[in-house]
Structure formats: C-alpha cells, structure tokens
N, C-alpha and C. Protein backbone atom coordinates (compact mmCIF):
# COMPACT_ATOMS: atom_id res chain seq x y z
N MET A 1 0.55 -1.26 0.22
CA MET A 1 -0.03 -0.35 -0.36
C MET A 1 0.41 1.47 0.35
N ARG A 2 1.59 0.95 0.82
CA ARG A 2 2.55 1.90 0.59
C ARG A 2 3.06 2.73 -0.53
N ASN A 3 3.90 1.50 -1.21
CA ASN A 3 4.49 2.05 -2.90
C ASN A 3 3.70 2.84 -3.79
N VAL A 4 2.36 2.46 -3.46
CA VAL A 4 0.94 2.95 -3.86
C VAL A 4 0.50 4.37 -3.59
N ALA A 5 0.99 4.76 -2.47
CA ALA A 5 1.08 6.08 -2.00
C ALA A 5 2.35 6.76 -2.66
N PHE A 6 3.39 6.18 -2.75
CA PHE A 6 4.68 6.15 -3.42
C PHE A 6 4.57 6.90 -4.82
N LEU A 7 3.54 6.09 -5.69
CA LEU A 7 3.49 6.06 -6.80
C LEU A 7 2.90 6.72 -6.92
N LEU A 8 1.92 7.16 -6.46
CA LEU A 8 0.37 8.67 -6.78
C LEU A 8 1.72 10.01 -6.22
N PHE A 9 2.64 9.73 -5.98
CA PHE A 9 2.93 11.51 -5.82
C PHE A 9 3.25 11.11 -6.45
N GLY A 10 4.97 10.58 -6.78
CA GLY A 10 5.57 11.49 -7.60
C GLY A 10 5.04 11.39 -9.20
N LEU A 11 3.92 10.50 -9.15
CA LEU A 11 2.78 11.08 -10.48
C LEU A 11 2.86 11.99 -10.40
N TYR A 12 1.96 12.60 -8.92
CA TYR A 12 1.56 14.36 -9.34
C TYR A 12 2.52 14.85 -9.17
N LEU A 13 3.73 14.50 -8.77
CA LEU A 13 5.19 15.21 -8.32
C LEU A 13 5.01 15.42 -9.77
N ALA A 14 5.51 14.80 -10.68
CA ALA A 14 6.16 14.75 -11.76
C ALA A 14 5.15 14.94 -13.16
N ALA A 15 3.37 15.61 -13.37
CA ALA A 15 2.58 15.89 -13.21
C ALA A 15 2.72 17.32 -13.48
N TYR A 16 3.06 17.82 -12.42
CA TYR A 16 3.29 18.98 -11.28
C TYR A 16 4.73 20.08 -12.33
N LEU A 17 5.14 19.01 -12.40
CA LEU A 17 6.86 19.30 -12.58
C LEU A 17 6.65 19.60 -14.56
N VAL A 18 5.40 18.90 -15.09
CA VAL A 18 5.62 19.13 -16.83
C VAL A 18 5.43 20.45 -16.75
N LEU A 19 4.11 20.69 -16.08
CA LEU A 19 2.38 22.59 -16.23
C LEU A 19 4.02 22.79 -15.80
N ARG A 20 4.49 23.35 -15.10
CA ARG A 20 5.14 24.29 -14.44
C ARG A 20 6.78 24.37 -15.48
N GLN A 21 7.01 23.88 -16.06
CA GLN A 21 8.02 24.36 -17.11
C GLN A 21 6.95 24.70 -18.72
N THR A 22 6.38 23.72 -19.35
CA THR A 22 4.97 24.69 -19.81
C THR A 22 4.39 25.34 -20.30
N GLN A 23 4.30 25.84 -19.16
CA GLN A 23 3.33 27.27 -18.66
C GLN A 23 3.76 28.03 -18.29
N ALA A 24 5.39 27.82 -18.04
CA ALA A 24 5.99 28.71 -17.77
C ALA A 24 6.19 30.32 -18.39
N GLU A 25 6.27 31.24 -18.51
CA GLU A 25 6.41 32.59 -19.17
C GLU A 25 7.04 33.96 -18.73
N VAL A 26 7.60 34.66 -19.42
CA VAL A 26 7.94 36.00 -17.94
C VAL A 26 6.61 36.99 -18.92
N TRP A 27 6.59 37.11 -17.55
CA TRP A 27 5.68 38.70 -18.02
C TRP A 27 6.60 39.80 -18.37
N ASN A 28 5.91 40.88 -19.38
CA ASN A 28 6.47 41.29 -19.59
C ASN A 28 6.56 43.22 -18.75
N GLN A 29 5.03 43.66 -18.11
CA GLN A 29 5.42 44.11 -17.05
C GLN A 29 6.35 44.19 -16.54
N ASP A 30 6.43 42.79 -15.67
CA ASP A 30 7.06 43.19 -14.38
C ASP A 30 8.37 42.12 -14.28
N GLY A 31 8.85 41.75 -15.71
CA GLY A 31 10.52 40.82 -16.15
C GLY A 31 10.58 39.58 -15.32
N GLN A 32 8.49 39.34 -14.53
CA GLN A 32 9.03 38.07 -13.46
C GLN A 32 8.61 36.95 -14.35
N THR A 33 8.48 35.03 -14.16
CA THR A 33 8.23 34.42 -14.78
C THR A 33 7.34 34.09 -13.32
N TYR A 34 5.90 34.24 -14.30
CA TYR A 34 5.05 32.34 -14.23
C TYR A 34 4.28 31.95 -14.77
N VAL A 35 3.66 31.17 -13.98
CA VAL A 35 2.92 29.36 -13.93
C VAL A 35 1.81 30.07 -14.85
N ILE A 36 1.40 29.82 -15.92
CA ILE A 36 -0.26 30.20 -16.82
C ILE A 36 -0.53 29.22 -16.76
N PHE A 37 -1.83 28.55 -15.45
CA PHE A 37 -2.85 27.82 -16.03
C PHE A 37 -4.08 28.58 -15.93
N PRO A 38 -4.08 27.32 -17.58
CA PRO A 38 -5.23 27.58 -18.63
C PRO A 38 -6.53 28.21 -18.02
N ARG A 39 -6.96 29.12 -18.56
CA ARG A 39 -8.74 29.90 -17.42
C ARG A 39 -9.68 29.50 -18.12
N ASP A 40 -8.98 27.61 -19.15
CA ASP A 40 -10.40 26.71 -18.97
C ASP A 40 -10.45 25.09 -18.21
N ALA A 41 -9.45 25.54 -18.16
CA ALA A 41 -9.37 23.55 -17.10
C ALA A 41 -8.52 24.42 -15.16
N VAL A 42 -8.92 25.46 -15.64
CA VAL A 42 -9.02 25.57 -13.92
C VAL A 42 -8.65 24.53 -13.06
N TRP A 43 -9.68 23.18 -12.86
CA TRP A 43 -8.81 22.41 -11.88
C TRP A 43 -7.82 22.05 -11.91
N ASN A 44 -6.76 22.29 -12.37
CA ASN A 44 -5.88 22.15 -12.61
C ASN A 44 -4.80 23.09 -11.48
N TYR A 45 -5.22 24.29 -11.17
CA TYR A 45 -5.26 25.41 -10.32
C TYR A 45 -5.46 24.59 -8.97
N TYR A 46 -6.84 24.03 -8.79
CA TYR A 46 -7.24 23.37 -8.42
C TYR A 46 -6.48 22.83 -7.65
N LEU A 47 -6.78 21.63 -8.32
CA LEU A 47 -5.11 20.27 -7.98
C LEU A 47 -3.95 20.17 -7.95
N PHE A 48 -2.72 21.36 -8.52
CA PHE A 48 -1.43 21.91 -8.44
C PHE A 48 -1.25 22.59 -6.64
N ARG A 49 -2.81 23.22 -6.24
CA ARG A 49 -2.02 24.63 -6.02
C ARG A 49 -1.12 23.72 -4.91
N PRO A 50 -1.18 23.11 -3.83
CA PRO A 50 -0.25 23.09 -3.01
C PRO A 50 0.73 22.79 -2.33
N LEU A 51 1.74 22.08 -3.92
CA LEU A 51 2.57 22.48 -4.57
C LEU A 51 3.02 23.30 -5.02
N SER A 52 2.21 24.22 -5.59
CA SER A 52 2.22 25.30 -5.93
C SER A 52 2.73 26.22 -4.45
N LEU A 53 1.67 26.64 -3.92
CA LEU A 53 1.98 27.12 -2.28
C LEU A 53 3.55 27.11 -1.69
N LEU A 54 4.03 25.81 -2.11
CA LEU A 54 5.08 25.29 -1.50
C LEU A 54 6.52 25.58 -3.43
N ASP A 55 7.01 26.06 -4.34
CA ASP A 55 7.50 25.52 -5.05
C ASP A 55 7.68 27.75 -5.10
N ALA A 56 5.99 28.60 -4.27
CA ALA A 56 6.55 29.62 -4.72
C ALA A 56 7.50 30.51 -3.15
N THR A 57 7.00 29.66 -2.08
CA THR A 57 7.66 29.48 -0.72
C THR A 57 9.45 29.37 -0.94
N VAL A 58 9.28 28.70 -1.90
CA VAL A 58 10.77 27.81 -2.13
C VAL A 58 11.37 28.22 -3.04
N THR A 59 11.11 28.94 -4.59
CA THR A 59 11.48 29.11 -5.35
C THR A 59 10.78 30.64 -5.76
N GLY A 60 10.17 31.43 -5.81
CA GLY A 60 10.03 32.57 -5.65
C GLY A 60 8.78 32.10 -7.27
N MET A 61 8.02 31.65 -7.39
CA MET A 61 7.54 31.08 -8.26
C MET A 61 6.14 31.62 -8.89
N ARG A 62 5.65 32.40 -9.63
CA ARG A 62 4.78 33.37 -9.36
C ARG A 62 3.85 32.58 -10.29
N PHE A 63 2.39 32.68 -9.93
CA PHE A 63 1.85 32.39 -10.96
C PHE A 63 0.59 32.37 -10.94
N HIS A 64 -0.23 32.92 -12.92
CA HIS A 64 -1.09 32.88 -12.61
C HIS A 64 -2.28 31.78 -13.52
N ILE A 65 -3.90 32.59 -13.31
CA ILE A 65 -4.98 31.99 -14.07
C ILE A 65 -5.43 32.37 -15.17
N GLY A 66 -5.10 32.05 -16.49
CA GLY A 66 -5.43 32.23 -17.55
C GLY A 66 -3.96 33.83 -18.19
N PRO A 67 -3.83 34.43 -19.77
CA PRO A 67 -3.38 34.75 -19.96
C PRO A 67 -2.91 36.05 -19.32
N HIS A 68 -2.18 36.88 -19.08
CA HIS A 68 -2.56 38.30 -18.18
C HIS A 68 -3.10 39.88 -19.64
N ASN A 69 -3.44 40.58 -18.82
CA ASN A 69 -4.00 41.21 -20.46
C ASN A 69 -3.06 42.57 -19.78
C-alpha cells in the first residue's frame, strides 16, 4: 500500500513539474516568470495548488490563471 502511495505522489509531482515547465512565461510588465494555469481548465489550479504554494515559497515562482491582460 505504501508503494502505491509513493507511486501516486511521484506521478502527481511529475505532472506538476511538466505543467510548470510547459506553462512558464515571462510577463513583460514586471519581468517575472509566471506559471500560467489555463483559464479553461481551472481545475489544474486547484489540483496543483498545494505544490504551487510550496514552489512559490521555495523558488519565488509566481502563478496566474489565464493570460495576463
């Protein structure tokens, strides 16, 4: 059972890292890098919220739902 929990956590972490790498962009207004969560899939924001909070604390990464206007 413990192995299954580690596997599921590993998949969750890997999915977050893929999202973080593929959705990162620099906003011209402030020159900061943001992970842009898709506006049409807000569930991604809620699914990965715990890791994004940890990521923001550790690395200073910023997050945004949908493109900057």
